[in-house]
Amino acid sequence: MIKTVRSLLCPNLRDRKCKVMTDGEKIARAREAKGLSLRDAAKRLGISRQCWHQWESGYRTPTLKTAHRIADALDTSLSEMLR
């Protein structure tokens, strides 16, 4: 049986109280903590609002280089943003 991070953190996956935050949710949380709209955050990075939304929704995953750029745009460190 292959163990995933989620299965290790949440042995009972049917337990609705046990939720692991995705990287997209963490990016959204960091953006909201700065009081920025999707449009404002995307403008800081020089990308479209749709592209930023795709990262937050989990439809696309930013590269490590882009994740660093996102953290810089949000005036935070990558480790703080993904904590």
PDB file of N, CA and C in Angstrom:
ATOM      1  N   MET A   1       0.846  -1.180   0.000  1.00  0.00           N
ATOM      2  CA  MET A   1       0.000   0.000   0.000  1.00  0.00           C
ATOM      3  C   MET A   1       0.889   1.239   0.000  1.00  0.00           C
ATOM      4  N   ILE A   2       0.645   2.127  -0.934  1.00  0.00           N
ATOM      5  CA  ILE A   2       1.426   3.358  -1.034  1.00  0.00           C
ATOM      6  C   ILE A   2       0.835   4.388  -0.083  1.00  0.00           C
ATOM      7  N   LYS A   3       1.690   4.980   0.721  1.00  0.00           N
ATOM      8  CA  LYS A   3       1.264   6.007   1.664  1.00  0.00           C
ATOM      9  C   LYS A   3       1.468   7.377   1.037  1.00  0.00           C
ATOM     10  N   THR A   4       0.462   8.216   1.110  1.00  0.00           N
ATOM     11  CA  THR A   4       0.597   9.600   0.673  1.00  0.00           C
ATOM     12  C   THR A   4       0.733  10.475   1.910  1.00  0.00           C
ATOM     13  N   VAL A   5       1.146  11.709   1.686  1.00  0.00           N
ATOM     14  CA  VAL A   5       1.268  12.635   2.810  1.00  0.00           C
ATOM     15  C   VAL A   5      -0.089  12.793   3.480  1.00  0.00           C
ATOM     16  N   ARG A   6      -1.117  12.925   2.675  1.00  0.00           N
ATOM     17  CA  ARG A   6      -2.451  13.096   3.247  1.00  0.00           C
ATOM     18  C   ARG A   6      -2.868  11.885   4.071  1.00  0.00           C
ATOM     19  N   SER A   7      -2.562  10.668   3.594  1.00  0.00           N
ATOM     20  CA  SER A   7      -2.966   9.485   4.352  1.00  0.00           C
ATOM     21  C   SER A   7      -2.175   9.357   5.650  1.00  0.00           C
ATOM     22  N   LEU A   8      -0.952   9.852   5.662  1.00  0.00           N
ATOM     23  CA  LEU A   8      -0.171   9.818   6.895  1.00  0.00           C
ATOM     24  C   LEU A   8      -0.696  10.834   7.905  1.00  0.00           C
ATOM     25  N   LEU A   9      -1.101  12.021   7.402  1.00  0.00           N
ATOM     26  CA  LEU A   9      -1.611  13.056   8.289  1.00  0.00           C
ATOM     27  C   LEU A   9      -3.052  12.789   8.702  1.00  0.00           C
ATOM     28  N   CYS A  10      -3.808  12.157   7.819  1.00  0.00           N
ATOM     29  CA  CYS A  10      -5.226  11.887   8.059  1.00  0.00           C
ATOM     30  C   CYS A  10      -5.511  10.415   7.814  1.00  0.00           C
ATOM     31  N   PRO A  11      -5.223   9.547   8.773  1.00  0.00           N
ATOM     32  CA  PRO A  11      -5.414   8.125   8.557  1.00  0.00           C
ATOM     33  C   PRO A  11      -6.860   7.778   8.196  1.00  0.00           C
ATOM     34  N   ASN A  12      -7.815   8.513   8.720  1.00  0.00           N
ATOM     35  CA  ASN A  12      -9.214   8.270   8.391  1.00  0.00           C
ATOM     36  C   ASN A  12      -9.655   9.346   7.398  1.00  0.00           C
ATOM     37  N   LEU A  13      -9.480   9.083   6.092  1.00  0.00           N
ATOM     38  CA  LEU A  13      -9.776  10.089   5.073  1.00  0.00           C
ATOM     39  C   LEU A  13     -11.261  10.443   5.008  1.00  0.00           C
ATOM     40  N   ARG A  14     -12.104   9.647   5.614  1.00  0.00           N
ATOM     41  CA  ARG A  14     -13.535   9.975   5.620  1.00  0.00           C
ATOM     42  C   ARG A  14     -13.858  11.014   6.677  1.00  0.00           C
ATOM     43  N   ASP A  15     -12.922  11.261   7.563  1.00  0.00           N
ATOM     44  CA  ASP A  15     -13.122  12.246   8.622  1.00  0.00           C
ATOM     45  C   ASP A  15     -13.076  13.646   8.005  1.00  0.00           C
ATOM     46  N   ARG A  16     -14.186  14.303   7.920  1.00  0.00           N
ATOM     47  CA  ARG A  16     -14.275  15.614   7.276  1.00  0.00           C
ATOM     48  C   ARG A  16     -13.526  16.694   8.061  1.00  0.00           C
ATOM     49  N   LYS A  17     -13.274  16.457   9.325  1.00  0.00           N
ATOM     50  CA  LYS A  17     -12.559  17.444  10.136  1.00  0.00           C
ATOM     51  C   LYS A  17     -11.075  17.469   9.810  1.00  0.00           C
ATOM     52  N   CYS A  18     -10.577  16.409   9.237  1.00  0.00           N
ATOM     53  CA  CYS A  18      -9.164  16.286   8.931  1.00  0.00           C
ATOM     54  C   CYS A  18      -8.918  16.790   7.514  1.00  0.00           C
ATOM     55  N   LYS A  19      -8.312  17.969   7.395  1.00  0.00           N
ATOM     56  CA  LYS A  19      -8.109  18.561   6.085  1.00  0.00           C
ATOM     57  C   LYS A  19      -6.681  19.067   5.987  1.00  0.00           C
ATOM     58  N   VAL A  20      -6.030  18.716   4.904  1.00  0.00           N
ATOM     59  CA  VAL A  20      -4.682  19.209   4.643  1.00  0.00           C
ATOM     60  C   VAL A  20      -4.826  20.337   3.630  1.00  0.00           C
ATOM     61  N   MET A  21      -4.275  21.496   3.972  1.00  0.00           N
ATOM     62  CA  MET A  21      -4.381  22.652   3.100  1.00  0.00           C
ATOM     63  C   MET A  21      -3.471  22.482   1.888  1.00  0.00           C
ATOM     64  N   THR A  22      -4.014  22.721   0.695  1.00  0.00           N
ATOM     65  CA  THR A  22      -3.227  22.614  -0.527  1.00  0.00           C
ATOM     66  C   THR A  22      -2.347  23.850  -0.696  1.00  0.00           C
ATOM     67  N   ASP A  23      -1.356  23.746  -1.578  1.00  0.00           N
ATOM     68  CA  ASP A  23      -0.497  24.901  -1.843  1.00  0.00           C
ATOM     69  C   ASP A  23      -1.310  26.064  -2.392  1.00  0.00           C
ATOM     70  N   GLY A  24      -2.304  25.761  -3.223  1.00  0.00           N
ATOM     71  CA  GLY A  24      -3.158  26.821  -3.764  1.00  0.00           C
ATOM     72  C   GLY A  24      -3.922  27.549  -2.670  1.00  0.00           C
ATOM     73  N   GLU A  25      -4.420  26.797  -1.702  1.00  0.00           N
ATOM     74  CA  GLU A  25      -5.123  27.411  -0.569  1.00  0.00           C
ATOM     75  C   GLU A  25      -4.168  28.261   0.261  1.00  0.00           C
ATOM     76  N   LYS A  26      -2.925  27.823   0.355  1.00  0.00           N
ATOM     77  CA  LYS A  26      -1.928  28.592   1.107  1.00  0.00           C
ATOM     78  C   LYS A  26      -1.582  29.888   0.386  1.00  0.00           C
ATOM     79  N   ILE A  27      -1.516  29.836  -0.945  1.00  0.00           N
ATOM     80  CA  ILE A  27      -1.259  31.051  -1.727  1.00  0.00           C
ATOM     81  C   ILE A  27      -2.428  32.017  -1.542  1.00  0.00           C
ATOM     82  N   ALA A  28      -3.647  31.503  -1.599  1.00  0.00           N
ATOM     83  CA  ALA A  28      -4.831  32.341  -1.407  1.00  0.00           C
ATOM     84  C   ALA A  28      -4.833  32.960  -0.009  1.00  0.00           C
ATOM     85  N   ARG A  29      -4.487  32.165   0.995  1.00  0.00           N
ATOM     86  CA  ARG A  29      -4.449  32.669   2.370  1.00  0.00           C
ATOM     87  C   ARG A  29      -3.429  33.789   2.508  1.00  0.00           C
ATOM     88  N   ALA A  30      -2.254  33.618   1.896  1.00  0.00           N
ATOM     89  CA  ALA A  30      -1.219  34.645   1.969  1.00  0.00           C
ATOM     90  C   ALA A  30      -1.662  35.918   1.253  1.00  0.00           C
ATOM     91  N   ARG A  31      -2.332  35.764   0.111  1.00  0.00           N
ATOM     92  CA  ARG A  31      -2.824  36.929  -0.634  1.00  0.00           C
ATOM     93  C   ARG A  31      -3.879  37.667   0.169  1.00  0.00           C
ATOM     94  N   GLU A  32      -4.813  36.929   0.744  1.00  0.00           N
ATOM     95  CA  GLU A  32      -5.877  37.540   1.538  1.00  0.00           C
ATOM     96  C   GLU A  32      -5.332  38.204   2.795  1.00  0.00           C
ATOM     97  N   ALA A  33      -4.287  37.625   3.384  1.00  0.00           N
ATOM     98  CA  ALA A  33      -3.674  38.223   4.575  1.00  0.00           C
ATOM     99  C   ALA A  33      -3.070  39.593   4.258  1.00  0.00           C
ATOM    100  N   LYS A  34      -2.645  39.776   3.021  1.00  0.00           N
ATOM    101  CA  LYS A  34      -2.099  41.071   2.592  1.00  0.00           C
ATOM    102  C   LYS A  34      -3.191  42.025   2.143  1.00  0.00           C
ATOM    103  N   GLY A  35      -4.446  41.546   2.110  1.00  0.00           N
ATOM    104  CA  GLY A  35      -5.565  42.383   1.708  1.00  0.00           C
ATOM    105  C   GLY A  35      -5.606  42.678   0.216  1.00  0.00           C
ATOM    106  N   LEU A  36      -5.072  41.757  -0.591  1.00  0.00           N
ATOM    107  CA  LEU A  36      -5.017  41.958  -2.034  1.00  0.00           C
ATOM    108  C   LEU A  36      -6.114  41.175  -2.748  1.00  0.00           C
ATOM    109  N   SER A  37      -6.655  41.768  -3.795  1.00  0.00           N
ATOM    110  CA  SER A  37      -7.585  41.045  -4.660  1.00  0.00           C
ATOM    111  C   SER A  37      -6.767  40.193  -5.622  1.00  0.00           C
ATOM    112  N   LEU A  38      -7.439  39.278  -6.305  1.00  0.00           N
ATOM    113  CA  LEU A  38      -6.751  38.474  -7.324  1.00  0.00           C
ATOM    114  C   LEU A  38      -6.109  39.396  -8.361  1.00  0.00           C
ATOM    115  N   ARG A  39      -6.846  40.410  -8.788  1.00  0.00           N
ATOM    116  CA  ARG A  39      -6.362  41.335  -9.810  1.00  0.00           C
ATOM    117  C   ARG A  39      -5.109  42.085  -9.335  1.00  0.00           C
ATOM    118  N   ASP A  40      -5.144  42.571  -8.082  1.00  0.00           N
ATOM    119  CA  ASP A  40      -3.989  43.309  -7.550  1.00  0.00           C
ATOM    120  C   ASP A  40      -2.760  42.423  -7.413  1.00  0.00           C
ATOM    121  N   ALA A  41      -2.965  41.196  -6.936  1.00  0.00           N
ATOM    122  CA  ALA A  41      -1.840  40.269  -6.773  1.00  0.00           C
ATOM    123  C   ALA A  41      -1.242  39.917  -8.133  1.00  0.00           C
ATOM    124  N   ALA A  42      -2.107  39.653  -9.098  1.00  0.00           N
ATOM    125  CA  ALA A  42      -1.632  39.307 -10.446  1.00  0.00           C
ATOM    126  C   ALA A  42      -0.880  40.475 -11.068  1.00  0.00           C
ATOM    127  N   LYS A  43      -1.372  41.676 -10.836  1.00  0.00           N
ATOM    128  CA  LYS A  43      -0.717  42.871 -11.381  1.00  0.00           C
ATOM    129  C   LYS A  43       0.691  43.024 -10.795  1.00  0.00           C
ATOM    130  N   ARG A  44       0.844  42.726  -9.507  1.00  0.00           N
ATOM    131  CA  ARG A  44       2.171  42.798  -8.884  1.00  0.00           C
ATOM    132  C   ARG A  44       3.165  41.856  -9.540  1.00  0.00           C
ATOM    133  N   LEU A  45       2.650  40.716 -10.011  1.00  0.00           N
ATOM    134  CA  LEU A  45       3.510  39.705 -10.621  1.00  0.00           C
ATOM    135  C   LEU A  45       3.606  39.862 -12.137  1.00  0.00           C
ATOM    136  N   GLY A  46       2.727  40.696 -12.701  1.00  0.00           N
ATOM    137  CA  GLY A  46       2.736  40.919 -14.139  1.00  0.00           C
ATOM    138  C   GLY A  46       2.112  39.788 -14.933  1.00  0.00           C
ATOM    139  N   ILE A  47       1.081  39.169 -14.356  1.00  0.00           N
ATOM    140  CA  ILE A  47       0.382  38.062 -15.018  1.00  0.00           C
ATOM    141  C   ILE A  47      -1.113  38.363 -15.036  1.00  0.00           C
ATOM    142  N   SER A  48      -1.883  37.500 -15.679  1.00  0.00           N
ATOM    143  CA  SER A  48      -3.332  37.688 -15.711  1.00  0.00           C
ATOM    144  C   SER A  48      -3.964  37.196 -14.406  1.00  0.00           C
ATOM    145  N   ARG A  49      -5.138  37.744 -14.136  1.00  0.00           N
ATOM    146  CA  ARG A  49      -5.895  37.327 -12.956  1.00  0.00           C
ATOM    147  C   ARG A  49      -6.268  35.848 -13.083  1.00  0.00           C
ATOM    148  N   GLN A  50      -6.558  35.403 -14.306  1.00  0.00           N
ATOM    149  CA  GLN A  50      -6.932  34.012 -14.539  1.00  0.00           C
ATOM    150  C   GLN A  50      -5.788  33.057 -14.191  1.00  0.00           C
ATOM    151  N   CYS A  51      -4.570  33.447 -14.535  1.00  0.00           N
ATOM    152  CA  CYS A  51      -3.405  32.609 -14.230  1.00  0.00           C
ATOM    153  C   CYS A  51      -3.257  32.455 -12.713  1.00  0.00           C
ATOM    154  N   TRP A  52      -3.371  33.571 -11.994  1.00  0.00           N
ATOM    155  CA  TRP A  52      -3.258  33.523 -10.521  1.00  0.00           C
ATOM    156  C   TRP A  52      -4.361  32.630  -9.953  1.00  0.00           C
ATOM    157  N   HIS A  53      -5.570  32.787 -10.475  1.00  0.00           N
ATOM    158  CA  HIS A  53      -6.695  31.982 -10.000  1.00  0.00           C
ATOM    159  C   HIS A  53      -6.441  30.491 -10.224  1.00  0.00           C
ATOM    160  N   GLN A  54      -5.829  30.131 -11.338  1.00  0.00           N
ATOM    161  CA  GLN A  54      -5.536  28.723 -11.611  1.00  0.00           C
ATOM    162  C   GLN A  54      -4.589  28.148 -10.572  1.00  0.00           C
ATOM    163  N   TRP A  55      -3.647  28.945 -10.088  1.00  0.00           N
ATOM    164  CA  TRP A  55      -2.751  28.461  -9.027  1.00  0.00           C
ATOM    165  C   TRP A  55      -3.527  28.257  -7.732  1.00  0.00           C
ATOM    166  N   GLU A  56      -4.353  29.252  -7.380  1.00  0.00           N
ATOM    167  CA  GLU A  56      -5.100  29.151  -6.130  1.00  0.00           C
ATOM    168  C   GLU A  56      -6.115  28.010  -6.161  1.00  0.00           C
ATOM    169  N   SER A  57      -6.711  27.754  -7.295  1.00  0.00           N
ATOM    170  CA  SER A  57      -7.738  26.711  -7.396  1.00  0.00           C
ATOM    171  C   SER A  57      -7.136  25.313  -7.536  1.00  0.00           C
ATOM    172  N   GLY A  58      -5.817  25.238  -7.769  1.00  0.00           N
ATOM    173  CA  GLY A  58      -5.163  23.945  -7.902  1.00  0.00           C
ATOM    174  C   GLY A  58      -5.206  23.393  -9.308  1.00  0.00           C
ATOM    175  N   TYR A  59      -5.739  24.168 -10.254  1.00  0.00           N
ATOM    176  CA  TYR A  59      -5.786  23.723 -11.637  1.00  0.00           C
ATOM    177  C   TYR A  59      -4.388  23.645 -12.235  1.00  0.00           C
ATOM    178  N   ARG A  60      -3.522  24.553 -11.822  1.00  0.00           N
ATOM    179  CA  ARG A  60      -2.119  24.545 -12.243  1.00  0.00           C
ATOM    180  C   ARG A  60      -1.255  24.709 -11.002  1.00  0.00           C
ATOM    181  N   THR A  61      -0.028  24.217 -11.091  1.00  0.00           N
ATOM    182  CA  THR A  61       0.920  24.331  -9.994  1.00  0.00           C
ATOM    183  C   THR A  61       2.090  25.185 -10.453  1.00  0.00           C
ATOM    184  N   PRO A  62       2.404  26.245  -9.688  1.00  0.00           N
ATOM    185  CA  PRO A  62       3.537  27.078 -10.097  1.00  0.00           C
ATOM    186  C   PRO A  62       4.856  26.335  -9.935  1.00  0.00           C
ATOM    187  N   THR A  63       5.828  26.672 -10.783  1.00  0.00           N
ATOM    188  CA  THR A  63       7.162  26.106 -10.633  1.00  0.00           C
ATOM    189  C   THR A  63       7.793  26.690  -9.376  1.00  0.00           C
ATOM    190  N   LEU A  64       8.901  26.126  -8.958  1.00  0.00           N
ATOM    191  CA  LEU A  64       9.584  26.638  -7.777  1.00  0.00           C
ATOM    192  C   LEU A  64      10.009  28.093  -7.987  1.00  0.00           C
ATOM    193  N   LYS A  65      10.511  28.387  -9.177  1.00  0.00           N
ATOM    194  CA  LYS A  65      10.924  29.768  -9.484  1.00  0.00           C
ATOM    195  C   LYS A  65       9.728  30.715  -9.391  1.00  0.00           C
ATOM    196  N   THR A  66       8.597  30.287  -9.935  1.00  0.00           N
ATOM    197  CA  THR A  66       7.396  31.114  -9.882  1.00  0.00           C
ATOM    198  C   THR A  66       6.876  31.238  -8.460  1.00  0.00           C
ATOM    199  N   ALA A  67       6.975  30.177  -7.680  1.00  0.00           N
ATOM    200  CA  ALA A  67       6.539  30.225  -6.283  1.00  0.00           C
ATOM    201  C   ALA A  67       7.349  31.266  -5.513  1.00  0.00           C
ATOM    202  N   HIS A  68       8.642  31.363  -5.811  1.00  0.00           N
ATOM    203  CA  HIS A  68       9.467  32.398  -5.177  1.00  0.00           C
ATOM    204  C   HIS A  68       9.003  33.787  -5.610  1.00  0.00           C
ATOM    205  N   ARG A  69       8.645  33.936  -6.882  1.00  0.00           N
ATOM    206  CA  ARG A  69       8.149  35.225  -7.381  1.00  0.00           C
ATOM    207  C   ARG A  69       6.818  35.583  -6.719  1.00  0.00           C
ATOM    208  N   ILE A  70       5.965  34.596  -6.504  1.00  0.00           N
ATOM    209  CA  ILE A  70       4.688  34.831  -5.822  1.00  0.00           C
ATOM    210  C   ILE A  70       4.942  35.328  -4.402  1.00  0.00           C
ATOM    211  N   ALA A  71       5.836  34.645  -3.699  1.00  0.00           N
ATOM    212  CA  ALA A  71       6.167  35.052  -2.330  1.00  0.00           C
ATOM    213  C   ALA A  71       6.723  36.473  -2.308  1.00  0.00           C
ATOM    214  N   ASP A  72       7.593  36.806  -3.248  1.00  0.00           N
ATOM    215  CA  ASP A  72       8.125  38.169  -3.326  1.00  0.00           C
ATOM    216  C   ASP A  72       7.016  39.177  -3.578  1.00  0.00           C
ATOM    217  N   ALA A  73       6.082  38.837  -4.465  1.00  0.00           N
ATOM    218  CA  ALA A  73       4.969  39.739  -4.776  1.00  0.00           C
ATOM    219  C   ALA A  73       4.074  39.968  -3.560  1.00  0.00           C
ATOM    220  N   LEU A  74       4.033  38.982  -2.673  1.00  0.00           N
ATOM    221  CA  LEU A  74       3.220  39.090  -1.461  1.00  0.00           C
ATOM    222  C   LEU A  74       4.032  39.560  -0.255  1.00  0.00           C
ATOM    223  N   ASP A  75       5.273  39.973  -0.506  1.00  0.00           N
ATOM    224  CA  ASP A  75       6.164  40.465   0.564  1.00  0.00           C
ATOM    225  C   ASP A  75       6.303  39.477   1.712  1.00  0.00           C
ATOM    226  N   THR A  76       6.547  38.218   1.358  1.00  0.00           N
ATOM    227  CA  THR A  76       6.737  37.173   2.365  1.00  0.00           C
ATOM    228  C   THR A  76       7.783  36.188   1.846  1.00  0.00           C
ATOM    229  N   SER A  77       8.192  35.277   2.688  1.00  0.00           N
ATOM    230  CA  SER A  77       9.133  34.245   2.243  1.00  0.00           C
ATOM    231  C   SER A  77       8.337  33.040   1.744  1.00  0.00           C
ATOM    232  N   LEU A  78       8.974  32.236   0.933  1.00  0.00           N
ATOM    233  CA  LEU A  78       8.315  31.040   0.401  1.00  0.00           C
ATOM    234  C   LEU A  78       7.943  30.090   1.544  1.00  0.00           C
ATOM    235  N   SER A  79       8.838  29.908   2.484  1.00  0.00           N
ATOM    236  CA  SER A  79       8.543  28.989   3.595  1.00  0.00           C
ATOM    237  C   SER A  79       7.399  29.506   4.454  1.00  0.00           C
ATOM    238  N   GLU A  80       7.323  30.811   4.649  1.00  0.00           N
ATOM    239  CA  GLU A  80       6.221  31.387   5.426  1.00  0.00           C
ATOM    240  C   GLU A  80       4.902  31.240   4.665  1.00  0.00           C
ATOM    241  N   MET A  81       4.944  31.463   3.364  1.00  0.00           N
ATOM    242  CA  MET A  81       3.719  31.386   2.565  1.00  0.00           C
ATOM    243  C   MET A  81       3.170  29.958   2.535  1.00  0.00           C
ATOM    244  N   LEU A  82       4.032  28.957   2.448  1.00  0.00           N
ATOM    245  CA  LEU A  82       3.585  27.574   2.319  1.00  0.00           C
ATOM    246  C   LEU A  82       3.470  26.849   3.660  1.00  0.00           C
ATOM    247  N   ARG A  83       3.644  27.553   4.746  1.00  0.00           N
ATOM    248  CA  ARG A  83       3.527  26.936   6.055  1.00  0.00           C
ATOM    249  C   ARG A  83       2.098  26.632   6.372  1.00  0.00           C
TER     250      ARG A  83
END
